[in-house]
Protein backbone atom coordinates (compact mmCIF):
# COMPACT_ATOMS: atom_id res chain seq x y z
CA MET A 1 209.14 -80.38 34.82
CA ARG A 2 211.93 -78.35 36.24
CA TRP A 3 212.04 -74.53 36.01
CA ILE A 4 215.45 -73.46 35.58
CA HIS A 5 216.79 -71.84 34.13
CA ALA A 6 214.36 -70.56 34.50
CA ALA A 7 215.80 -69.98 34.57
CA GLY A 8 216.92 -72.27 35.48
CA ARG A 9 216.91 -75.03 36.82
CA GLY A 10 213.72 -74.27 35.64
CA LEU A 11 214.32 -75.87 34.01
CA LEU A 12 212.72 -78.96 32.57
CA VAL A 13 214.61 -81.10 30.00
CA LEU A 14 212.75 -83.62 27.78
CA VAL A 15 214.51 -86.08 25.50
CA VAL A 16 212.76 -88.20 22.91
CA ILE A 17 214.61 -91.44 22.17
CA VAL A 18 213.47 -93.14 19.02
CA THR A 19 213.31 -96.90 19.35
CA GLY A 20 212.34 -97.78 15.78
CA TYR A 21 214.35 -98.02 12.58
CA VAL A 22 216.27 -95.17 10.97
CA ALA A 23 214.25 -93.08 8.53
CA SER A 24 215.10 -93.41 4.87
CA GLY A 25 217.62 -90.76 3.88
CA VAL A 26 218.49 -89.83 7.50
CA GLY A 27 221.50 -91.54 8.98
CA SER A 28 222.32 -95.10 7.96
CA GLY A 29 220.01 -98.08 7.66
CA ALA A 30 216.51 -98.67 6.38
CA GLY A 31 213.27 -97.41 7.89
CA PRO A 32 209.81 -96.05 7.12
CA ALA A 33 209.77 -93.66 4.21
CA ASP A 34 207.88 -91.05 6.23
CA GLY A 35 210.41 -91.01 9.10
CA ARG A 36 207.88 -92.07 11.74
CA GLY A 37 208.04 -94.55 14.59
CA PRO A 38 207.78 -95.12 18.36
CA LEU A 39 209.37 -92.60 20.69
CA THR A 40 210.76 -92.50 24.20
CA LEU A 41 210.52 -89.18 25.98
CA ALA A 42 212.83 -88.52 28.92
CA THR A 43 212.39 -85.67 31.38
CA ALA A 44 214.39 -84.15 34.16
CA GLY A 45 212.34 -84.33 37.34
CA ASP A 46 208.68 -83.89 36.40
CA LEU A 47 207.94 -82.36 39.80
CA THR A 48 204.25 -81.78 39.18
CA GLY A 49 203.66 -85.17 37.52
CA TYR A 50 201.60 -83.85 34.61
CA LEU A 51 203.49 -85.30 31.66
CA GLY A 52 202.03 -88.79 31.83
CA SER A 53 198.51 -87.57 31.17
CA VAL A 54 199.68 -85.29 28.32
CA LEU A 55 201.42 -88.20 26.64
CA GLU A 56 198.36 -90.43 27.02
CA GLY A 57 196.56 -88.10 24.62
CA TRP A 58 199.35 -88.45 22.05
CA ASN A 59 199.51 -92.23 22.42
CA ARG A 60 195.75 -92.64 21.87
CA THR A 61 195.84 -90.77 18.57
CA HIS A 62 199.28 -91.89 17.34
CA PRO A 63 199.39 -95.69 17.89
CA GLY A 64 202.33 -96.10 15.54
CA GLU A 65 204.38 -93.40 17.28
CA LYS A 66 203.77 -94.19 20.94
CA VAL A 67 205.87 -92.35 23.51
CA THR A 68 207.32 -93.96 26.62
CA LEU A 69 208.24 -91.55 29.45
CA VAL A 70 211.69 -91.83 31.08
CA GLU A 71 212.96 -89.42 33.75
CA LEU A 72 216.54 -88.12 33.92
CA PRO A 73 218.00 -86.44 37.05
CA ASP A 74 216.03 -83.39 38.20
CA SER A 75 219.17 -81.22 38.30
CA ALA A 76 219.50 -79.17 35.13
CA ASP A 77 223.29 -79.32 35.32
CA GLU A 78 223.27 -83.13 35.59
CA THR A 79 220.72 -83.46 32.83
CA ARG A 80 222.73 -81.28 30.47
CA ALA A 81 225.85 -83.32 31.20
CA GLN A 82 224.06 -86.59 30.42
CA MET A 83 222.56 -85.19 27.24
CA ALA A 84 225.89 -83.78 26.04
CA THR A 85 227.68 -87.07 26.70
CA ASP A 86 225.06 -88.96 24.71
CA LEU A 87 224.97 -86.50 21.82
CA ARG A 88 228.73 -86.70 21.42
CA GLY A 89 228.21 -90.38 20.62
CA GLY A 90 227.15 -89.53 17.05
CA ASP A 91 225.08 -92.28 15.43
CA ARG A 92 225.11 -94.16 18.73
CA SER A 93 223.07 -91.38 20.35
CA ARG A 94 219.77 -92.51 21.87
CA PHE A 95 218.35 -89.02 21.95
CA ASP A 96 216.13 -87.76 19.14
CA VAL A 97 214.14 -84.83 20.53
CA LEU A 98 215.46 -82.77 23.40
CA ASN A 99 213.59 -80.26 25.50
CA ILE A 100 216.61 -78.16 26.36
CA ASP A 101 216.93 -75.24 28.72
CA VAL A 102 216.61 -72.02 26.74
CA SER A 103 220.21 -71.13 27.56
CA TRP A 104 221.55 -74.26 25.84
CA THR A 105 220.21 -73.61 22.34
CA SER A 106 223.26 -71.68 21.11
CA GLU A 107 225.70 -74.20 22.54
CA PHE A 108 223.90 -77.26 21.17
CA ALA A 109 223.49 -75.64 17.74
CA ALA A 110 227.12 -74.52 17.57
CA GLN A 111 228.25 -78.04 18.48
CA GLY A 112 226.15 -79.50 15.67
CA TRP A 113 224.09 -81.59 18.09
CA ILE A 114 220.69 -80.30 16.96
CA ARG A 115 219.35 -79.67 13.47
CA PRO A 116 217.73 -76.54 11.98
CA LEU A 117 213.93 -76.61 11.88
CA ALA A 118 211.41 -75.36 9.33
CA ARG A 119 209.54 -72.42 10.83
CA ASP A 120 206.31 -73.13 8.95
CA ARG A 121 205.77 -76.44 10.79
CA PHE A 122 205.17 -74.68 14.12
CA PRO A 123 202.76 -71.97 15.38
CA LEU A 124 205.48 -69.43 16.20
CA ASP A 125 203.24 -66.41 15.55
CA THR A 126 200.97 -67.44 18.44
CA PHE A 127 203.79 -67.33 21.01
CA LEU A 128 204.63 -64.58 23.47
CA PRO A 129 207.04 -61.99 22.08
CA ARG A 130 210.70 -62.65 22.94
CA VAL A 131 210.44 -66.41 23.49
CA VAL A 132 211.21 -67.36 19.88
CA ASP A 133 214.56 -65.57 20.13
CA THR A 134 215.68 -68.12 22.73
CA ALA A 135 215.23 -70.87 20.12
CA THR A 136 217.45 -69.32 17.43
CA TYR A 137 221.16 -69.31 16.76
CA ASP A 138 222.96 -67.36 14.05
CA GLY A 139 219.61 -66.33 12.56
CA GLN A 140 218.31 -69.91 12.22
CA LEU A 141 215.53 -71.68 14.15
CA TYR A 142 217.07 -74.63 15.99
CA ALA A 143 214.29 -75.35 18.50
CA VAL A 144 210.67 -74.54 19.32
CA PRO A 145 209.69 -72.85 22.60
CA TYR A 146 207.70 -75.19 24.83
CA VAL A 147 207.64 -73.61 28.29
CA THR A 148 208.57 -70.05 29.13
CA ASN A 149 209.37 -68.57 32.50
CA ALA A 150 210.25 -65.44 34.40
CA GLY A 151 211.24 -64.96 37.99
CA LEU A 152 208.73 -63.40 40.40
CA LEU A 153 209.05 -61.95 43.87
CA LEU A 154 206.75 -63.93 46.16
CA TYR A 155 205.82 -62.26 49.44
CA ARG A 156 203.70 -62.78 52.52
CA LYS A 157 200.81 -60.48 51.75
CA ASP A 158 199.22 -61.12 55.16
CA ILE A 159 202.28 -59.74 56.96
CA LEU A 160 202.76 -56.74 54.69
CA ALA A 161 199.05 -55.92 55.10
CA LYS A 162 199.41 -55.97 58.89
CA GLU A 163 202.32 -53.56 58.60
CA GLY A 164 200.54 -51.32 56.10
CA VAL A 165 203.39 -51.79 53.61
CA ASP A 166 203.06 -52.24 49.84
CA PRO A 167 205.02 -55.01 48.13
CA PRO A 168 208.47 -53.72 47.20
CA ARG A 169 209.21 -52.22 43.79
CA THR A 170 212.83 -51.31 44.52
CA TRP A 171 215.81 -52.96 46.17
CA SER A 172 215.80 -50.41 48.98
CA GLU A 173 212.15 -51.18 49.79
CA LEU A 174 212.91 -54.90 49.74
CA GLU A 175 215.97 -54.49 51.98
CA ARG A 176 214.12 -52.30 54.48
CA ALA A 177 211.21 -54.72 54.87
CA ALA A 178 213.49 -57.78 54.96
CA ARG A 179 215.66 -56.16 57.62
CA THR A 180 212.97 -54.64 59.85
CA ILE A 181 209.65 -56.45 59.32
CA ALA A 182 210.78 -60.07 58.91
CA PRO A 183 212.43 -60.35 62.37
CA LYS A 184 209.23 -59.11 64.05
CA TYR A 185 207.49 -62.24 62.82
CA GLY A 186 210.37 -64.62 63.36
CA LEU A 187 211.12 -64.86 59.64
CA ASP A 188 214.19 -64.60 57.48
CA GLY A 189 214.10 -61.71 55.04
CA TYR A 190 214.86 -62.69 51.47
CA ALA A 191 216.16 -65.69 49.52
CA GLY A 192 216.67 -66.90 46.00
CA GLN A 193 218.60 -69.81 44.51
CA PHE A 194 222.11 -69.15 45.77
CA LEU A 195 223.83 -72.53 45.74
CA PRO A 196 226.62 -72.50 43.11
CA TYR A 197 224.70 -74.05 40.18
CA GLU A 198 222.65 -72.76 37.26
CA GLY A 199 220.16 -71.12 39.61
CA LEU A 200 222.85 -68.79 40.97
CA THR A 201 223.79 -67.86 37.40
CA VAL A 202 220.17 -66.82 36.90
CA ASN A 203 219.98 -64.83 40.15
CA ALA A 204 223.29 -63.08 39.48
CA ALA A 205 222.32 -62.24 35.90
CA GLU A 206 218.99 -60.81 37.09
CA ALA A 207 220.79 -58.57 39.58
CA VAL A 208 223.15 -57.31 36.87
CA TYR A 209 220.34 -56.81 34.33
CA SER A 210 218.12 -55.05 36.87
CA ALA A 211 220.88 -52.54 37.53
CA GLY A 212 221.11 -51.83 33.80
CA GLY A 213 224.10 -54.01 32.97
CA THR A 214 224.85 -56.91 30.66
CA ILE A 215 227.27 -59.84 30.72
CA LEU A 216 228.00 -60.79 27.10
CA GLY A 217 227.16 -59.39 23.68
CA ASP A 218 227.38 -60.52 20.07
CA GLU A 219 226.55 -64.22 20.68
CA GLY A 220 229.24 -64.43 23.36
CA GLU A 221 232.02 -62.80 21.34
CA ARG A 222 232.15 -59.61 23.42
CA VAL A 223 232.44 -59.33 27.23
CA THR A 224 230.39 -56.42 28.65
CA VAL A 225 230.22 -57.24 32.36
CA ASN A 226 232.94 -54.92 33.68
CA SER A 227 230.57 -52.07 34.51
CA THR A 228 229.19 -49.99 37.35
CA ALA A 229 225.83 -51.75 36.90
CA ALA A 230 227.38 -55.20 37.34
CA ARG A 231 229.17 -54.08 40.49
CA GLU A 232 225.89 -52.67 41.82
CA GLY A 233 224.00 -55.89 41.07
CA ILE A 234 226.57 -58.26 42.59
CA GLY A 235 226.92 -55.83 45.48
CA PHE A 236 223.18 -56.06 46.22
CA LEU A 237 223.42 -59.83 46.70
CA ALA A 238 226.66 -59.66 48.69
CA ARG A 239 225.29 -56.92 50.94
CA GLY A 240 222.22 -58.98 51.77
CA VAL A 241 224.30 -61.85 53.15
CA ARG A 242 226.72 -59.53 54.93
CA GLU A 243 223.90 -57.59 56.64
CA GLY A 244 221.85 -60.70 57.40
CA TRP A 245 218.60 -60.00 55.57
CA ILE A 246 219.63 -62.80 53.22
CA PRO A 247 220.17 -65.77 55.57
CA LYS A 248 223.40 -67.73 55.16
CA GLN A 249 221.29 -70.87 54.81
CA ALA A 250 220.10 -69.45 51.47
CA LEU A 251 223.61 -70.08 50.09
CA THR A 252 222.58 -73.76 50.00
CA TYR A 253 219.20 -73.22 48.30
CA LYS A 254 218.12 -74.47 44.89
CA GLU A 255 214.54 -74.05 43.61
CA GLU A 256 212.98 -76.68 45.83
CA GLU A 257 214.86 -75.79 49.03
CA SER A 258 213.98 -72.12 48.67
CA LYS A 259 210.35 -72.91 47.85
CA ARG A 260 210.13 -75.16 50.89
CA ALA A 261 211.52 -72.45 53.18
CA PHE A 262 208.87 -70.03 51.92
CA GLN A 263 206.06 -72.58 51.98
CA ASP A 264 206.94 -73.61 55.53
CA GLY A 265 206.55 -70.00 56.66
CA ARG A 266 210.23 -69.20 57.21
CA LEU A 267 210.67 -66.38 54.66
CA LEU A 268 209.08 -63.00 54.06
CA PHE A 269 210.29 -62.69 50.44
CA LEU A 270 211.38 -65.25 47.85
CA ARG A 271 212.62 -64.97 44.30
CA ASN A 272 211.46 -68.08 42.43
CA TRP A 273 209.65 -69.29 39.32
CA PRO A 274 205.83 -69.22 39.21
CA TYR A 275 205.51 -72.93 39.96
CA ALA A 276 206.55 -72.08 43.53
CA TYR A 277 203.53 -69.76 43.81
CA ALA A 278 201.20 -72.49 42.56
CA VAL A 279 202.58 -75.19 44.86
CA ALA A 280 202.79 -72.96 47.94
CA SER A 281 199.21 -71.79 47.35
CA ALA A 282 197.78 -75.29 47.11
CA LYS A 283 195.34 -76.67 49.64
CA GLY A 284 197.14 -77.82 52.77
CA SER A 285 200.08 -75.46 52.40
CA PRO A 286 200.84 -73.50 55.62
CA VAL A 287 200.87 -70.26 53.62
CA ALA A 288 197.93 -70.93 51.28
CA GLY A 289 195.94 -67.71 50.81
CA LYS A 290 198.74 -65.62 52.29
CA ILE A 291 200.92 -65.20 49.21
CA GLY A 292 201.28 -62.39 46.71
CA ALA A 293 203.50 -62.04 43.64
CA VAL A 294 205.01 -59.01 41.93
CA PRO A 295 207.75 -58.47 39.33
CA LEU A 296 211.29 -58.57 40.66
CA PRO A 297 212.40 -55.23 42.07
CA GLY A 298 215.44 -53.30 40.85
CA PRO A 299 217.54 -50.46 42.22
CA ARG A 300 215.25 -47.70 40.94
CA GLY A 301 212.02 -49.51 40.05
CA PRO A 302 210.91 -52.86 38.66
CA GLY A 303 213.85 -55.06 37.78
CA VAL A 304 214.53 -57.53 34.98
CA SER A 305 214.03 -61.27 35.16
CA VAL A 306 216.02 -63.79 33.24
CA LEU A 307 213.88 -65.43 30.59
CA GLY A 308 213.61 -69.07 31.61
CA GLY A 309 211.87 -72.09 30.21
CA SER A 310 212.71 -74.85 27.77
CA ASN A 311 212.84 -75.41 24.02
CA LEU A 312 212.19 -78.57 22.04
CA ALA A 313 214.98 -79.47 19.62
CA VAL A 314 215.65 -82.39 17.27
CA SER A 315 218.95 -84.24 17.51
CA SER A 316 221.17 -84.19 14.46
CA HIS A 317 221.11 -88.00 14.63
CA ALA A 318 217.34 -88.33 15.02
CA ARG A 319 216.16 -91.60 13.55
CA HIS A 320 212.51 -90.60 13.17
CA PRO A 321 212.69 -86.87 12.38
CA ASP A 322 209.12 -86.54 11.14
CA SER A 323 207.71 -88.10 14.31
CA ALA A 324 209.97 -85.79 16.28
CA ALA A 325 208.60 -82.71 14.53
CA ARG A 326 205.02 -83.94 14.86
CA LEU A 327 205.46 -84.48 18.60
CA ILE A 328 206.86 -80.95 18.96
CA ALA A 329 203.85 -79.53 17.09
CA TYR A 330 201.54 -81.51 19.39
CA LEU A 331 203.25 -80.30 22.57
CA THR A 332 203.00 -76.67 21.41
CA SER A 333 199.35 -76.91 20.35
CA GLU A 334 196.80 -74.75 22.17
CA ARG A 335 195.16 -77.72 23.88
CA VAL A 336 198.40 -79.15 25.27
CA GLN A 337 199.75 -75.72 26.20
CA ARG A 338 196.64 -75.23 28.30
CA GLN A 339 197.41 -78.52 30.07
CA VAL A 340 201.01 -77.41 30.61
CA LEU A 341 199.56 -74.64 32.78
CA THR A 342 196.54 -76.34 34.39
CA ARG A 343 198.18 -79.71 35.10
CA GLY A 344 201.85 -78.77 35.31
CA ALA A 345 201.67 -75.23 36.78
CA LEU A 346 204.20 -74.24 34.11
CA PRO A 347 203.98 -71.02 32.05
CA PRO A 348 202.85 -71.76 28.47
CA VAL A 349 204.33 -70.02 25.43
CA ARG A 350 200.92 -69.33 23.84
CA ALA A 351 200.13 -65.64 24.32
CA ASP A 352 196.33 -65.90 24.30
CA LEU A 353 196.27 -68.16 27.37
CA TYR A 354 197.47 -65.29 29.55
CA GLU A 355 194.25 -63.40 28.78
CA ASP A 356 191.82 -66.28 29.32
CA PRO A 357 189.48 -65.18 32.16
CA ASP A 358 189.03 -68.69 33.52
CA LEU A 359 192.77 -69.28 33.66
CA VAL A 360 193.42 -65.92 35.31
CA ARG A 361 190.89 -66.78 38.01
CA GLU A 362 192.64 -70.09 38.64
CA PHE A 363 196.16 -68.66 38.33
CA PRO A 364 195.96 -65.04 39.53
CA TYR A 365 199.68 -64.46 38.95
CA LEU A 366 199.29 -64.77 35.14
CA PRO A 367 199.06 -61.00 34.41
CA THR A 368 202.14 -60.38 36.55
CA LEU A 369 203.96 -63.23 34.87
CA ARG A 370 203.11 -61.94 31.38
CA GLU A 371 204.47 -58.53 32.37
CA SER A 372 207.65 -60.14 33.68
CA VAL A 373 208.14 -62.28 30.56
CA ARG A 374 207.70 -59.26 28.29
CA ALA A 375 210.41 -57.39 30.21
CA ALA A 376 212.71 -60.40 30.66
CA ALA A 377 216.14 -60.83 29.12
CA PRO A 378 217.83 -64.07 28.04
CA ARG A 379 220.86 -65.48 29.74
CA PRO A 380 224.12 -64.71 27.94
CA LYS A 381 224.11 -66.35 24.51
CA SER A 382 227.32 -68.27 23.93
CA PRO A 383 228.41 -71.46 22.17
CA ARG A 384 230.37 -72.09 25.38
CA TYR A 385 227.48 -71.41 27.71
CA ASP A 386 228.35 -74.20 30.14
CA GLN A 387 231.72 -72.55 30.81
CA VAL A 388 230.16 -69.09 31.04
CA SER A 389 227.64 -70.29 33.62
CA LEU A 390 230.27 -71.99 35.76
CA VAL A 391 232.32 -68.79 35.92
CA VAL A 392 229.32 -66.57 36.74
CA GLN A 393 228.10 -68.79 39.56
CA ALA A 394 231.59 -69.26 41.04
CA VAL A 395 232.33 -65.53 41.07
CA ALA A 396 228.90 -64.59 42.44
CA HIS A 397 229.24 -67.17 45.21
CA ASP A 398 232.66 -65.84 46.22
CA ALA A 399 231.21 -62.32 46.44
CA MET A 400 228.22 -63.47 48.50
CA THR A 401 230.38 -65.45 50.92
CA GLY A 402 232.74 -62.50 51.37
CA ARG A 403 235.76 -64.13 49.72
CA GLN A 404 235.94 -61.23 47.27
CA THR A 405 234.55 -57.73 47.19
CA PRO A 406 231.97 -57.05 44.47
CA VAL A 407 234.47 -54.81 42.69
CA ALA A 408 237.15 -57.51 42.65
CA ALA A 409 234.60 -60.16 41.75
CA VAL A 410 233.37 -58.27 38.66
CA ARG A 411 236.95 -57.63 37.50
CA ARG A 412 237.71 -61.33 37.85
CA LEU A 413 234.49 -62.24 36.04
CA ALA A 414 235.45 -60.03 33.10
CA ARG A 415 238.93 -61.60 32.90
CA GLU A 416 237.63 -65.16 32.99
CA LEU A 417 234.90 -64.49 30.44
CA ASP A 418 237.49 -62.86 28.15
CA ALA A 419 239.55 -66.04 28.38
CA ILE A 420 236.51 -68.18 27.45
CA SER A 421 235.53 -65.93 24.53
CA SER A 422 239.04 -65.93 23.06
CA ARG A 423 239.30 -69.74 22.85
């Protein structure tokens, strides 16, 4: 599963494609009266390979609703494009249940691609605070949170310990260590996901939020980005590249490329999703046992992460809607949510798992992650989110490559977002 968007490209996307007959009363054609039947579940790049074993449990206990796993591209942008193309096909759509990036819920609901869900079918009161909001649009539940996420600052704790330096809590502390300590050990200073794609939207939004700013308000109807805070946040990223403590190579990084640079011992600091901590800490990793994690820093103290993860939604043209809802309830059950963490290294939405002593021993970043999720903010909500994201990433990239000053970049961002909101 992919953390996008998370976040990003954290993002994992799952799609359940029903291969049986159409349920009675839903769509056209005859089918089982209870709306149940076999399912095909597609995922974007299951990087940790855990889904097969999770689905085996479902298939053993639901022989009439067996799920076949199919993988879509591991790029969140490509996955969204494929899903949108299919969903526009109406009754010809293959997709029945979609595990969509949290930032897509408003768009998919506004387009009429996914159907409202009954809250009482799902254990929403057991979830972490804030995550349910990512699954709503216009006051209605349109999806169910499946995986949550928040960005963390990973750091080389062995190197900071040698230097007698605490992990950074502010941008100035991060800059100073990235500029002065990293070169002493032959390392680059700091990186995130800075290629122009959804990951850069996340990184840019986190910089703006951490400085106290916002991008959109009122479900995308009001543009709020033209602010001192936004200029400060975009300026932080642009300054890093200009001064060299963000390497130019980082302008080509997505989640995996940035994780690899850190895992290979080439970076002092990395902003990434928690899966990167788990993978880089695994046996055989060059930096295993040398990694720490703290909340993202901000200009005057701890910063704000974008709330990442994915939500499970049911297509408006689902042919087996009851099976779809039952699968969603299964995937959000306590037992499966535990497997999401232990087998997939993905942050579950169940709040009690973050306080389980055994899990905290196995995943020592859990308390930090819970703190980051509680303080996180969603990406801008908009029924035109795909357009919003493209503009944010393009403008941020131009500022980081020096094509525009941060001041000019934020003014341009406000103009282009105004144009999108007025359509």
